[in-house]
N, C-alpha and C. Protein backbone atom coordinates (compact mmCIF):
# COMPACT_ATOMS: atom_id res chain seq x y z
N MET A 1 95.05 61.41 150.77
CA MET A 1 94.83 62.87 150.18
C MET A 1 95.99 62.78 149.30
N ASP A 2 97.60 62.05 150.34
CA ASP A 2 98.53 61.67 149.45
C ASP A 2 98.20 61.22 148.08
N LYS A 3 97.56 59.88 148.37
CA LYS A 3 98.13 59.01 147.62
C LYS A 3 96.75 59.64 146.31
N SER A 4 95.99 60.12 146.08
CA SER A 4 95.32 61.57 145.52
C SER A 4 96.27 61.76 144.57
N ILE A 5 97.50 62.32 144.80
CA ILE A 5 98.48 63.99 144.64
C ILE A 5 98.92 62.50 143.93
N ARG A 6 99.76 60.98 144.84
CA ARG A 6 100.58 59.61 144.01
C ARG A 6 100.39 59.85 142.41
N ALA A 7 98.54 59.64 142.93
CA ALA A 7 98.02 58.85 141.64
C ALA A 7 98.01 60.26 140.63
N LEU A 8 97.97 60.94 140.60
CA LEU A 8 97.68 62.42 139.19
C LEU A 8 99.07 61.96 139.05
N ASN A 9 100.25 62.10 139.55
CA ASN A 9 101.33 62.59 139.05
C ASN A 9 101.66 61.38 138.37
N THR A 10 101.68 60.18 138.90
CA THR A 10 101.63 58.51 138.49
C THR A 10 100.97 58.36 136.68
N LYS A 11 99.52 60.17 136.71
CA LYS A 11 99.00 60.00 135.92
C LYS A 11 99.19 60.49 134.47
N ASN A 12 99.91 61.68 134.68
CA ASN A 12 100.34 62.63 133.83
C ASN A 12 101.51 62.67 133.65
N GLN A 13 102.56 62.06 134.28
CA GLN A 13 103.62 62.32 134.11
C GLN A 13 104.67 60.78 133.79
N THR A 14 104.22 59.90 133.85
CA THR A 14 104.44 58.87 132.86
C THR A 14 104.87 58.17 131.85
N ASP A 15 104.44 59.31 131.42
CA ASP A 15 104.91 60.09 129.32
C ASP A 15 106.81 60.82 129.32
N PRO A 16 107.31 59.87 129.13
CA PRO A 16 108.70 60.61 129.15
C PRO A 16 108.90 61.76 127.66
N ALA A 17 107.49 61.96 127.21
CA ALA A 17 107.78 62.91 126.14
C ALA A 17 108.96 63.93 126.16
N GLY A 18 108.93 64.87 127.65
CA GLY A 18 109.68 65.54 127.69
C GLY A 18 111.17 65.36 127.15
N ALA A 19 111.45 63.93 127.43
CA ALA A 19 113.62 63.99 127.54
C ALA A 19 113.53 64.52 126.58
N PRO A 20 113.38 64.43 125.80
CA PRO A 20 113.95 64.86 123.88
C PRO A 20 114.16 66.79 124.44
N VAL A 21 113.23 67.22 124.84
CA VAL A 21 113.36 68.61 125.33
C VAL A 21 114.69 69.12 126.10
N ILE A 22 115.28 68.30 127.44
CA ILE A 22 115.30 68.14 128.45
C ILE A 22 117.14 68.31 127.87
N LEU A 23 117.37 67.38 127.25
CA LEU A 23 118.63 66.77 126.53
C LEU A 23 118.52 66.92 125.62
N TRP A 24 118.05 68.03 124.23
CA TRP A 24 118.87 68.57 123.62
C TRP A 24 118.61 69.46 124.02
N ALA A 25 117.11 71.08 124.10
CA ALA A 25 117.27 72.10 124.66
C ALA A 25 117.99 72.50 126.13
N GLY A 26 118.18 71.40 126.67
CA GLY A 26 118.87 71.89 127.71
C GLY A 26 120.70 71.94 127.71
N LYS A 27 120.76 72.00 127.11
CA LYS A 27 122.09 71.62 126.23
C LYS A 27 122.92 72.50 126.69
N PRO A 28 122.35 73.95 126.57
CA PRO A 28 123.24 74.62 126.96
C PRO A 28 123.87 74.81 128.29
N PHE A 29 122.70 74.60 128.87
CA PHE A 29 122.54 74.82 130.59
C PHE A 29 123.40 73.50 131.41
N PHE A 30 123.39 72.46 130.93
CA PHE A 30 124.05 71.64 131.32
C PHE A 30 125.95 71.44 131.34
N GLU A 31 126.05 72.34 129.73
CA GLU A 31 127.57 72.35 129.23
C GLU A 31 128.00 73.85 130.75
N ARG A 32 126.76 74.52 130.68
CA ARG A 32 127.60 75.97 131.21
C ARG A 32 127.72 75.35 132.74
N GLY A 33 126.24 74.49 133.22
CA GLY A 33 126.20 74.14 134.95
C GLY A 33 128.11 73.42 135.16
N LEU A 34 128.40 72.85 134.26
CA LEU A 34 129.74 71.87 134.23
C LEU A 34 130.53 72.47 134.49
N GLN A 35 130.80 73.46 133.28
CA GLN A 35 131.61 74.94 133.52
C GLN A 35 132.00 75.75 135.15
N SER A 36 130.56 75.90 135.20
CA SER A 36 130.54 76.95 136.97
C SER A 36 131.04 75.78 137.30
N ILE A 37 130.63 74.52 138.18
CA ILE A 37 131.65 73.79 138.93
C ILE A 37 133.16 73.71 138.60
N ALA A 38 133.58 73.34 137.56
CA ALA A 38 134.70 72.63 137.39
C ALA A 38 136.06 74.67 137.16
N ASN A 39 135.17 75.79 137.82
CA ASN A 39 136.01 77.05 137.24
C ASN A 39 135.03 77.55 138.91
N ARG A 40 135.23 76.51 139.16
CA ARG A 40 134.40 76.43 141.59
C ARG A 40 133.94 78.12 141.57
N SER A 41 133.28 77.96 140.64
CA SER A 41 132.44 79.64 140.82
C SER A 41 130.67 79.50 140.44
N PRO A 42 130.23 78.68 141.38
CA PRO A 42 128.67 77.96 140.63
C PRO A 42 128.39 79.52 141.21
N ASN A 43 126.89 79.83 139.63
CA ASN A 43 126.24 80.44 139.52
C ASN A 43 124.86 79.81 138.82
N MET A 44 123.67 80.24 138.55
CA MET A 44 122.42 80.21 138.53
C MET A 44 122.42 78.98 137.35
N TRP A 45 123.46 78.71 136.80
CA TRP A 45 123.59 77.35 135.67
C TRP A 45 123.66 76.66 136.60
N THR A 46 124.70 76.57 137.62
CA THR A 46 125.15 75.18 138.15
C THR A 46 123.16 75.37 138.96
N LEU A 47 122.69 75.87 139.57
CA LEU A 47 121.62 75.31 139.87
C LEU A 47 120.63 74.87 139.30
N ILE A 48 120.25 75.65 137.73
CA ILE A 48 119.29 74.79 136.28
C ILE A 48 119.71 73.13 136.16
N GLY A 49 120.95 73.53 135.73
CA GLY A 49 121.72 71.97 135.56
C GLY A 49 121.59 71.47 136.66
N LEU A 50 121.93 71.12 138.14
CA LEU A 50 121.80 70.48 138.44
C LEU A 50 120.05 69.75 138.84
N GLY A 51 119.43 70.99 138.91
CA GLY A 51 117.71 70.43 139.49
C GLY A 51 117.20 69.74 138.08
N THR A 52 117.35 70.42 136.65
CA THR A 52 116.68 69.23 135.83
C THR A 52 117.74 67.89 135.63
N ALA A 53 118.46 67.83 135.61
CA ALA A 53 119.75 66.91 136.17
C ALA A 53 119.02 65.67 136.48
N ALA A 54 118.35 65.99 138.31
CA ALA A 54 118.17 65.52 138.78
C ALA A 54 116.65 64.63 138.29
N SER A 55 116.16 66.20 138.17
CA SER A 55 114.62 65.79 138.21
C SER A 55 114.95 64.32 136.33
N PHE A 56 115.85 64.50 135.99
CA PHE A 56 115.46 63.79 134.81
C PHE A 56 116.29 62.26 134.67
N PHE A 57 117.68 62.27 135.71
CA PHE A 57 117.62 60.98 136.43
C PHE A 57 117.02 60.49 137.44
N TYR A 58 116.55 60.77 138.03
CA TYR A 58 115.23 60.35 138.60
C TYR A 58 114.42 59.77 138.19
N SER A 59 113.53 60.51 137.03
CA SER A 59 112.47 59.75 136.30
C SER A 59 112.86 59.13 135.61
N VAL A 60 113.67 59.18 135.05
CA VAL A 60 114.58 57.42 133.96
C VAL A 60 114.76 56.59 134.93
N ALA A 61 114.94 56.95 136.04
CA ALA A 61 115.15 55.57 136.80
C ALA A 61 114.11 55.34 137.78
N ALA A 62 112.63 55.74 137.59
CA ALA A 62 111.56 55.65 138.02
C ALA A 62 110.91 54.95 136.44
N THR A 63 111.98 54.78 135.58
CA THR A 63 109.86 54.34 134.99
C THR A 63 110.64 52.96 134.22
N LEU A 64 112.14 53.11 134.20
CA LEU A 64 113.07 51.67 134.03
C LEU A 64 112.57 50.50 135.11
N ALA A 65 112.87 51.07 136.17
CA ALA A 65 113.20 50.80 137.64
C ALA A 65 112.26 50.99 138.07
N PRO A 66 111.14 50.79 138.04
CA PRO A 66 110.10 52.14 139.39
C PRO A 66 109.96 50.33 140.63
N GLY A 67 110.16 49.06 140.33
CA GLY A 67 110.61 48.08 141.61
C GLY A 67 111.71 48.41 142.30
N ALA A 68 112.56 49.29 142.37
CA ALA A 68 113.59 49.26 142.40
C ALA A 68 113.07 50.20 143.65
N PHE A 69 111.70 51.05 143.57
CA PHE A 69 111.91 52.80 144.17
C PHE A 69 110.93 51.42 145.55
N PRO A 70 110.73 53.09 146.95
CA PRO A 70 109.91 52.21 147.77
C PRO A 70 108.04 51.86 147.12
N ALA A 71 107.76 51.32 148.74
CA ALA A 71 106.35 50.58 147.80
C ALA A 71 105.63 52.10 148.43
N ALA A 72 105.57 53.17 148.71
CA ALA A 72 105.41 53.92 149.34
C ALA A 72 105.14 55.11 148.00
N LEU A 73 106.67 55.08 147.15
CA LEU A 73 106.42 55.81 146.29
C LEU A 73 105.78 55.82 145.01
N ARG A 74 104.87 54.51 145.11
CA ARG A 74 104.52 53.70 143.90
C ARG A 74 103.19 53.55 143.66
N GLU A 75 102.48 53.72 143.12
CA GLU A 75 100.85 53.73 142.41
C GLU A 75 100.51 52.86 141.57
N GLY A 76 99.79 52.03 141.37
CA GLY A 76 99.94 50.86 140.57
C GLY A 76 100.92 50.54 139.31
N GLY A 77 102.02 50.16 140.90
CA GLY A 77 103.56 49.48 139.55
C GLY A 77 103.76 50.05 139.39
N LYS A 78 103.56 51.95 139.23
CA LYS A 78 104.38 53.13 139.34
C LYS A 78 105.32 53.74 139.37
N VAL A 79 105.37 54.73 139.21
CA VAL A 79 106.15 55.71 140.07
C VAL A 79 106.04 57.01 139.69
N GLY A 80 105.73 57.99 140.04
CA GLY A 80 105.95 59.34 139.45
C GLY A 80 107.03 60.04 138.84
N VAL A 81 107.03 61.08 137.94
CA VAL A 81 108.50 61.24 137.16
C VAL A 81 108.46 62.43 137.61
N TYR A 82 108.96 63.41 136.73
CA TYR A 82 108.65 65.08 136.58
C TYR A 82 109.67 65.46 135.44
N TYR A 83 109.15 64.42 134.40
CA TYR A 83 109.54 65.08 132.79
C TYR A 83 109.43 66.44 132.42
N GLU A 84 108.21 66.18 132.32
CA GLU A 84 107.38 67.51 132.55
C GLU A 84 108.20 69.08 132.90
N ALA A 85 108.38 69.03 133.87
CA ALA A 85 108.01 69.68 135.37
C ALA A 85 109.65 69.86 134.44
N ALA A 86 110.65 69.32 134.09
CA ALA A 86 112.16 69.54 133.63
C ALA A 86 112.20 70.53 132.74
N ALA A 87 110.86 69.72 131.13
CA ALA A 87 111.22 70.40 130.64
C ALA A 87 110.52 71.91 131.18
N VAL A 88 109.64 71.89 131.97
CA VAL A 88 108.63 73.51 131.02
C VAL A 88 109.75 74.51 131.66
N ILE A 89 110.54 73.85 133.29
CA ILE A 89 111.61 75.36 133.37
C ILE A 89 112.87 75.17 132.19
N VAL A 90 113.49 74.04 131.51
CA VAL A 90 113.92 74.62 130.35
C VAL A 90 113.39 75.61 129.82
N SER A 91 112.54 75.18 128.77
CA SER A 91 111.78 76.27 127.68
C SER A 91 111.08 77.49 128.73
N LEU A 92 111.17 77.58 130.51
CA LEU A 92 110.94 79.05 130.33
C LEU A 92 112.62 79.23 130.97
N THR A 93 113.94 78.64 131.17
CA THR A 93 114.61 79.09 131.18
C THR A 93 115.44 79.44 129.73
N LEU A 94 113.87 79.29 128.18
CA LEU A 94 114.94 79.14 127.80
C LEU A 94 114.49 81.28 127.06
N LEU A 95 113.15 80.86 127.54
CA LEU A 95 112.55 81.84 126.68
C LEU A 95 113.46 83.91 127.65
N GLY A 96 113.21 83.10 129.40
CA GLY A 96 114.00 84.10 129.85
C GLY A 96 114.99 84.38 129.03
N GLN A 97 115.85 83.95 128.72
CA GLN A 97 117.06 84.05 127.97
C GLN A 97 117.14 84.81 125.89
N ILE A 98 115.70 83.90 125.57
CA ILE A 98 115.76 84.70 124.87
C ILE A 98 114.99 87.14 124.59
N LEU A 99 114.39 87.13 125.72
CA LEU A 99 113.48 87.65 126.32
C LEU A 99 115.15 89.16 126.56
N GLU A 100 116.25 88.42 127.32
CA GLU A 100 117.57 89.05 127.69
C GLU A 100 117.62 89.28 126.15
N SER A 101 118.42 88.46 125.78
CA SER A 101 119.17 89.57 124.58
C SER A 101 118.52 90.03 123.57
N ARG A 102 117.04 90.16 123.16
CA ARG A 102 116.05 91.11 122.88
C ARG A 102 116.16 91.92 123.50
N ALA A 103 116.69 92.40 124.97
CA ALA A 103 116.35 93.26 125.53
C ALA A 103 118.23 93.93 125.45
N ARG A 104 119.08 93.53 125.28
CA ARG A 104 120.59 93.11 125.13
C ARG A 104 120.44 94.35 123.37
N SER A 105 119.83 93.81 122.83
CA SER A 105 119.97 93.93 121.21
C SER A 105 119.07 95.66 121.65
N GLN A 106 118.31 95.36 122.09
CA GLN A 106 117.38 97.40 121.96
C GLN A 106 118.37 98.07 122.84
N THR A 107 118.89 97.79 123.92
CA THR A 107 119.84 98.25 124.93
C THR A 107 121.16 98.93 123.81
N SER A 108 121.10 98.43 123.03
CA SER A 108 122.37 98.71 122.60
C SER A 108 122.36 99.32 120.93
N ALA A 109 121.45 99.63 120.59
CA ALA A 109 120.97 100.31 119.55
C ALA A 109 120.40 101.41 120.42
N VAL A 110 120.08 101.64 121.21
CA VAL A 110 120.21 103.18 121.99
C VAL A 110 121.16 103.52 122.48
N ILE A 111 122.20 103.41 122.51
CA ILE A 111 123.60 103.86 123.51
C ILE A 111 123.86 104.13 121.71
N LYS A 112 124.53 103.06 120.62
CA LYS A 112 124.01 103.93 119.67
C LYS A 112 123.73 105.04 119.49
N ALA A 113 122.13 105.02 119.49
CA ALA A 113 121.65 106.31 118.69
C ALA A 113 122.15 107.36 119.75
N LEU A 114 122.12 107.46 120.76
CA LEU A 114 122.90 108.56 121.98
C LEU A 114 124.17 108.78 121.05
N LEU A 115 124.99 108.20 120.57
CA LEU A 115 126.74 108.43 120.22
C LEU A 115 126.25 109.79 119.38
N ASN A 116 125.59 109.34 118.33
CA ASN A 116 125.09 109.35 117.10
C ASN A 116 124.99 111.34 117.89
N LEU A 117 124.29 111.57 119.24
CA LEU A 117 123.81 111.91 118.88
C LEU A 117 125.06 113.69 118.74
N ALA A 118 126.33 113.01 119.15
CA ALA A 118 127.93 114.66 119.07
C ALA A 118 127.61 114.79 118.15
N PRO A 119 128.09 115.90 118.22
CA PRO A 119 128.94 116.68 116.22
C PRO A 119 129.92 115.54 115.43
N LYS A 120 130.20 115.14 114.86
CA LYS A 120 130.84 115.37 113.42
C LYS A 120 132.61 115.81 113.96
N MET A 121 132.27 117.79 114.22
CA MET A 121 133.10 118.78 114.37
C MET A 121 133.36 119.36 114.96
N ALA A 122 134.06 120.04 115.22
CA ALA A 122 133.90 121.50 116.03
C ALA A 122 135.24 122.94 115.36
N ARG A 123 135.07 123.34 116.51
CA ARG A 123 135.38 124.77 115.32
C ARG A 123 136.45 125.66 116.71
N ARG A 124 137.29 124.97 116.18
CA ARG A 124 138.70 125.17 117.32
C ARG A 124 139.02 127.28 117.03
N ILE A 125 139.48 127.43 117.58
CA ILE A 125 139.73 128.59 118.05
C ILE A 125 141.58 128.47 117.94
N ALA A 126 142.24 128.73 117.62
CA ALA A 126 143.73 129.19 117.19
C ALA A 126 144.14 129.95 117.94
N PRO A 127 145.79 130.55 118.82
CA PRO A 127 145.92 130.76 119.95
C PRO A 127 145.77 132.66 118.73
N GLY A 128 146.39 132.91 117.13
CA GLY A 128 146.33 133.98 117.28
C GLY A 128 144.91 134.46 116.57
N GLY A 129 143.75 133.87 117.11
CA GLY A 129 143.01 134.27 116.83
C GLY A 129 142.13 133.99 115.01
N GLY A 130 142.55 133.01 115.10
CA GLY A 130 142.46 132.26 113.36
C GLY A 130 141.19 131.25 114.12
N GLU A 131 140.17 130.90 112.89
CA GLU A 131 139.43 129.23 112.95
C GLU A 131 139.88 128.60 112.38
N GLU A 132 139.08 127.14 112.93
CA GLU A 132 138.54 126.25 111.99
C GLU A 132 138.37 124.77 112.42
N ASP A 133 137.02 124.31 111.36
CA ASP A 133 136.53 123.67 112.17
C ASP A 133 137.29 121.77 112.45
N VAL A 134 137.41 120.81 113.19
CA VAL A 134 138.45 119.98 113.41
C VAL A 134 137.71 119.31 113.49
N PRO A 135 138.09 117.29 113.54
CA PRO A 135 137.31 116.45 113.04
C PRO A 135 137.52 116.61 115.29
N LEU A 136 135.21 116.45 115.36
CA LEU A 136 135.63 115.42 117.11
C LEU A 136 136.87 115.52 117.64
N THR A 137 137.47 114.02 116.92
CA THR A 137 138.36 113.37 117.57
C THR A 137 140.07 113.99 118.07
N HIS A 138 139.88 115.50 117.17
CA HIS A 138 141.43 116.07 117.12
C HIS A 138 141.28 117.08 118.50
N VAL A 139 139.90 117.24 118.74
CA VAL A 139 139.73 118.37 120.12
C VAL A 139 140.23 117.83 121.43
N HIS A 140 141.34 118.30 122.10
CA HIS A 140 141.89 117.89 122.90
C HIS A 140 141.58 118.96 124.13
N VAL A 141 141.91 118.45 125.66
CA VAL A 141 141.64 118.99 126.87
C VAL A 141 142.20 120.91 126.93
N GLY A 142 141.64 121.85 127.19
CA GLY A 142 141.88 122.81 127.15
C GLY A 142 142.37 123.96 125.28
N ASP A 143 141.09 123.14 124.49
CA ASP A 143 141.40 124.05 123.29
C ASP A 143 140.49 125.17 123.98
N MET A 144 140.63 126.18 122.83
CA MET A 144 138.94 127.13 122.58
C MET A 144 138.69 126.36 121.77
N LEU A 145 136.62 126.48 122.18
CA LEU A 145 136.09 126.36 121.08
C LEU A 145 134.97 127.75 121.16
N ARG A 146 134.73 126.98 119.86
CA ARG A 146 133.58 128.42 119.73
C ARG A 146 132.23 128.08 118.42
N VAL A 147 131.09 127.98 119.50
CA VAL A 147 129.53 126.93 119.15
C VAL A 147 128.87 128.56 118.59
N ARG A 148 128.44 127.85 117.23
CA ARG A 148 127.23 129.56 116.44
C ARG A 148 126.11 129.44 117.02
N PRO A 149 125.26 129.70 116.73
CA PRO A 149 123.23 129.52 116.63
C PRO A 149 123.25 127.89 116.04
N GLY A 150 122.47 127.60 115.85
CA GLY A 150 122.08 125.94 115.73
C GLY A 150 123.09 125.34 115.80
N GLU A 151 124.37 125.48 116.46
CA GLU A 151 124.94 123.95 116.91
C GLU A 151 125.13 123.13 117.70
N LYS A 152 125.68 121.83 118.08
CA LYS A 152 125.92 121.45 119.27
C LYS A 152 127.19 121.72 119.43
N VAL A 153 127.07 121.44 121.34
CA VAL A 153 128.14 122.07 121.97
C VAL A 153 129.38 120.00 121.48
N PRO A 154 130.38 121.03 120.97
CA PRO A 154 130.84 119.12 120.41
C PRO A 154 131.24 118.63 121.72
N VAL A 155 131.90 119.00 122.72
CA VAL A 155 132.38 118.40 123.91
C VAL A 155 132.49 118.91 125.80
N ASP A 156 132.66 118.64 126.75
CA ASP A 156 132.05 118.86 127.92
C ASP A 156 132.88 120.44 128.48
N GLY A 157 132.57 121.42 128.67
CA GLY A 157 133.43 122.53 129.16
C GLY A 157 132.75 123.37 130.09
N THR A 158 133.79 124.56 130.20
CA THR A 158 133.12 125.62 130.31
C THR A 158 133.03 126.57 129.62
N VAL A 159 131.91 128.09 129.58
CA VAL A 159 132.14 129.47 129.15
C VAL A 159 132.67 129.99 129.09
N LEU A 160 133.29 130.75 128.11
CA LEU A 160 134.37 132.03 128.15
C LEU A 160 134.02 133.01 127.95
N GLU A 161 133.51 132.93 127.04
CA GLU A 161 133.19 133.74 126.26
C GLU A 161 131.27 133.93 126.06
N GLY A 162 130.82 135.18 125.98
CA GLY A 162 129.47 134.92 125.32
C GLY A 162 128.16 134.28 126.62
N GLU A 163 126.81 134.50 125.53
CA GLU A 163 125.38 133.99 126.33
C GLU A 163 124.43 133.73 125.25
N SER A 164 124.02 132.69 125.72
CA SER A 164 123.15 131.68 124.72
C SER A 164 121.84 131.13 125.93
N ALA A 165 121.30 130.75 125.22
CA ALA A 165 120.15 129.52 125.70
C ALA A 165 120.14 128.24 124.94
N LEU A 166 120.35 127.60 125.81
CA LEU A 166 120.97 125.89 125.74
C LEU A 166 120.14 124.61 126.00
N ASP A 167 119.73 123.80 124.96
CA ASP A 167 118.66 123.34 124.65
C ASP A 167 119.15 121.77 125.48
N GLU A 168 119.41 121.01 126.38
CA GLU A 168 119.48 120.57 127.52
C GLU A 168 118.51 118.95 127.33
N ALA A 169 117.80 119.02 126.15
CA ALA A 169 116.45 117.59 126.79
C ALA A 169 117.35 116.07 126.75
N MET A 170 118.26 116.67 125.50
CA MET A 170 118.84 115.17 125.37
C MET A 170 118.94 114.46 126.36
N LEU A 171 119.61 115.69 127.89
CA LEU A 171 120.40 114.92 129.07
C LEU A 171 119.46 115.33 130.26
N THR A 172 118.85 116.54 130.55
CA THR A 172 117.68 117.02 131.85
C THR A 172 115.87 115.97 131.11
N GLY A 173 115.68 116.08 129.90
CA GLY A 173 114.36 116.10 129.13
C GLY A 173 113.67 117.99 129.27
N GLU A 174 114.35 118.35 130.26
CA GLU A 174 113.52 119.52 130.60
C GLU A 174 113.91 119.89 129.04
N LEU A 175 112.38 120.96 128.62
CA LEU A 175 111.44 120.82 127.29
C LEU A 175 112.25 122.22 127.24
N LEU A 176 112.64 123.36 128.33
CA LEU A 176 113.63 125.14 128.10
C LEU A 176 114.17 125.37 127.90
N PRO A 177 114.57 125.70 127.25
CA PRO A 177 116.00 125.54 126.87
C PRO A 177 116.63 127.06 128.16
N VAL A 178 117.56 126.17 128.65
CA VAL A 178 118.40 127.34 130.36
C VAL A 178 119.83 127.71 129.59
N THR A 179 119.35 129.52 130.05
CA THR A 179 120.61 129.91 129.62
C THR A 179 121.71 129.99 130.30
N LYS A 180 123.09 130.52 129.91
CA LYS A 180 124.41 130.22 129.81
C LYS A 180 125.31 130.83 129.72
N ARG A 181 126.12 131.04 130.63
CA ARG A 181 126.78 132.54 130.50
C ARG A 181 128.14 132.19 131.27
N PRO A 182 129.30 133.40 131.01
CA PRO A 182 130.48 132.73 131.32
C PRO A 182 130.71 132.21 132.62
N GLY A 183 131.10 131.06 132.97
CA GLY A 183 131.49 130.85 134.02
C GLY A 183 130.41 129.17 134.42
N ASP A 184 129.23 129.16 133.58
CA ASP A 184 128.49 128.52 133.24
C ASP A 184 129.40 126.97 132.29
N LYS A 185 128.43 125.72 132.79
CA LYS A 185 129.36 124.12 132.72
C LYS A 185 128.52 124.06 131.35
N LEU A 186 129.34 123.37 130.38
CA LEU A 186 128.17 123.20 129.58
C LEU A 186 128.54 121.72 128.70
N ILE A 187 127.88 120.44 128.33
CA ILE A 187 127.59 119.14 128.31
C ILE A 187 127.74 119.09 126.88
N GLY A 188 128.78 117.42 126.57
CA GLY A 188 128.75 117.87 124.84
C GLY A 188 126.85 117.29 124.34
N ALA A 189 126.42 117.51 123.26
CA ALA A 189 125.22 117.15 122.58
C ALA A 189 124.47 118.08 122.12
N THR A 190 124.65 119.47 123.47
CA THR A 190 123.01 119.65 124.01
C THR A 190 123.50 120.81 122.68
N ILE A 191 122.75 121.58 122.41
CA ILE A 191 122.06 122.14 121.38
C ILE A 191 122.29 124.18 121.70
N ASN A 192 122.51 124.75 120.99
CA ASN A 192 122.61 125.78 121.26
C ASN A 192 121.96 126.54 120.38
N THR A 193 120.99 127.14 121.09
CA THR A 193 119.76 127.52 120.11
C THR A 193 120.03 129.72 119.89
N SER A 194 120.68 129.96 120.30
CA SER A 194 120.58 131.24 119.97
C SER A 194 121.39 131.71 119.63
N GLY A 195 122.61 132.64 120.13
CA GLY A 195 123.59 133.34 120.79
C GLY A 195 124.92 132.29 120.78
N SER A 196 126.41 133.10 120.25
CA SER A 196 127.24 132.59 119.83
C SER A 196 127.87 132.25 121.25
N LEU A 197 129.11 131.20 121.10
CA LEU A 197 129.95 131.37 122.84
C LEU A 197 132.03 130.55 122.47
N VAL A 198 131.98 130.86 123.34
CA VAL A 198 133.52 131.42 123.08
C VAL A 198 133.42 129.60 124.17
N MET A 199 133.93 128.66 124.31
CA MET A 199 133.48 127.84 125.29
C MET A 199 135.49 126.87 125.43
N SER A 200 135.97 125.99 126.40
CA SER A 200 137.07 125.87 126.86
C SER A 200 136.49 123.94 127.45
N ALA A 201 137.42 123.45 126.46
CA ALA A 201 137.09 121.92 126.10
C ALA A 201 138.04 122.04 127.74
N GLU A 202 137.03 121.12 128.48
CA GLU A 202 137.09 120.27 129.86
C GLU A 202 137.37 118.99 129.57
N LYS A 203 136.71 118.11 128.98
CA LYS A 203 136.29 117.25 128.85
C LYS A 203 136.23 116.02 127.31
N VAL A 204 136.81 115.61 127.22
CA VAL A 204 136.55 115.52 125.71
C VAL A 204 136.84 112.72 125.49
N GLY A 205 136.49 113.04 124.15
CA GLY A 205 135.91 111.67 124.05
C GLY A 205 135.43 110.84 125.35
N ALA A 206 136.35 109.71 125.23
CA ALA A 206 135.44 108.59 126.89
C ALA A 206 134.79 109.53 128.23
N GLN A 207 135.80 110.51 127.88
CA GLN A 207 135.25 111.41 129.94
C GLN A 207 133.99 112.53 129.66
N THR A 208 133.79 112.31 128.50
CA THR A 208 133.34 113.53 128.35
C THR A 208 131.50 112.90 128.66
N VAL A 209 129.90 113.55 129.62
CA VAL A 209 129.08 112.74 130.41
C VAL A 209 128.07 112.05 129.32
N LEU A 210 128.36 112.33 128.11
CA LEU A 210 127.31 111.72 126.91
C LEU A 210 128.17 110.12 126.68
N SER A 211 129.31 109.97 126.72
CA SER A 211 130.15 108.36 127.23
C SER A 211 130.18 108.12 127.43
């Protein structure tokens, strides 16, 4: 049984055609593996680099000097090598890197889309009672804001006056609007569907739930 396996390995893996794949495509893995060793922080790249390098150099030695290996490892004067196995490992790892990069780019696009849900302006109520539209970046904690029907809640806060139903589907996935009354919490970027609300800003900028 062992002789049959060795014969199959020798027959199928003596061709070093996989060497260019290992040396060229696997170069970034070897570089990362060496960096991890130099930084004394072994990681996945250390394992991949060591594994493929060991397979490659063993195979090179077996190809160039098969007579240096014990007779038990030789079959027909040749030693089974692992060019193909190392090339497959490199290829699969590269495929994983491509899929990971694609997933990251899609995640970044989703995050940008979520951040774009926030309104650009807020209607601030001055201490004297006047109202003005200001950029969202000019809203501070403690500001009194008015949210009119059909508008988005600018920042996180608490209802001070009024009663309305808010669409919070962007946060909870719930399709039915939720009624908000004085004392209830509001989340930025949710949609005020009906009545007018006066709220106090409590979390702005990077502190909001959306951020």
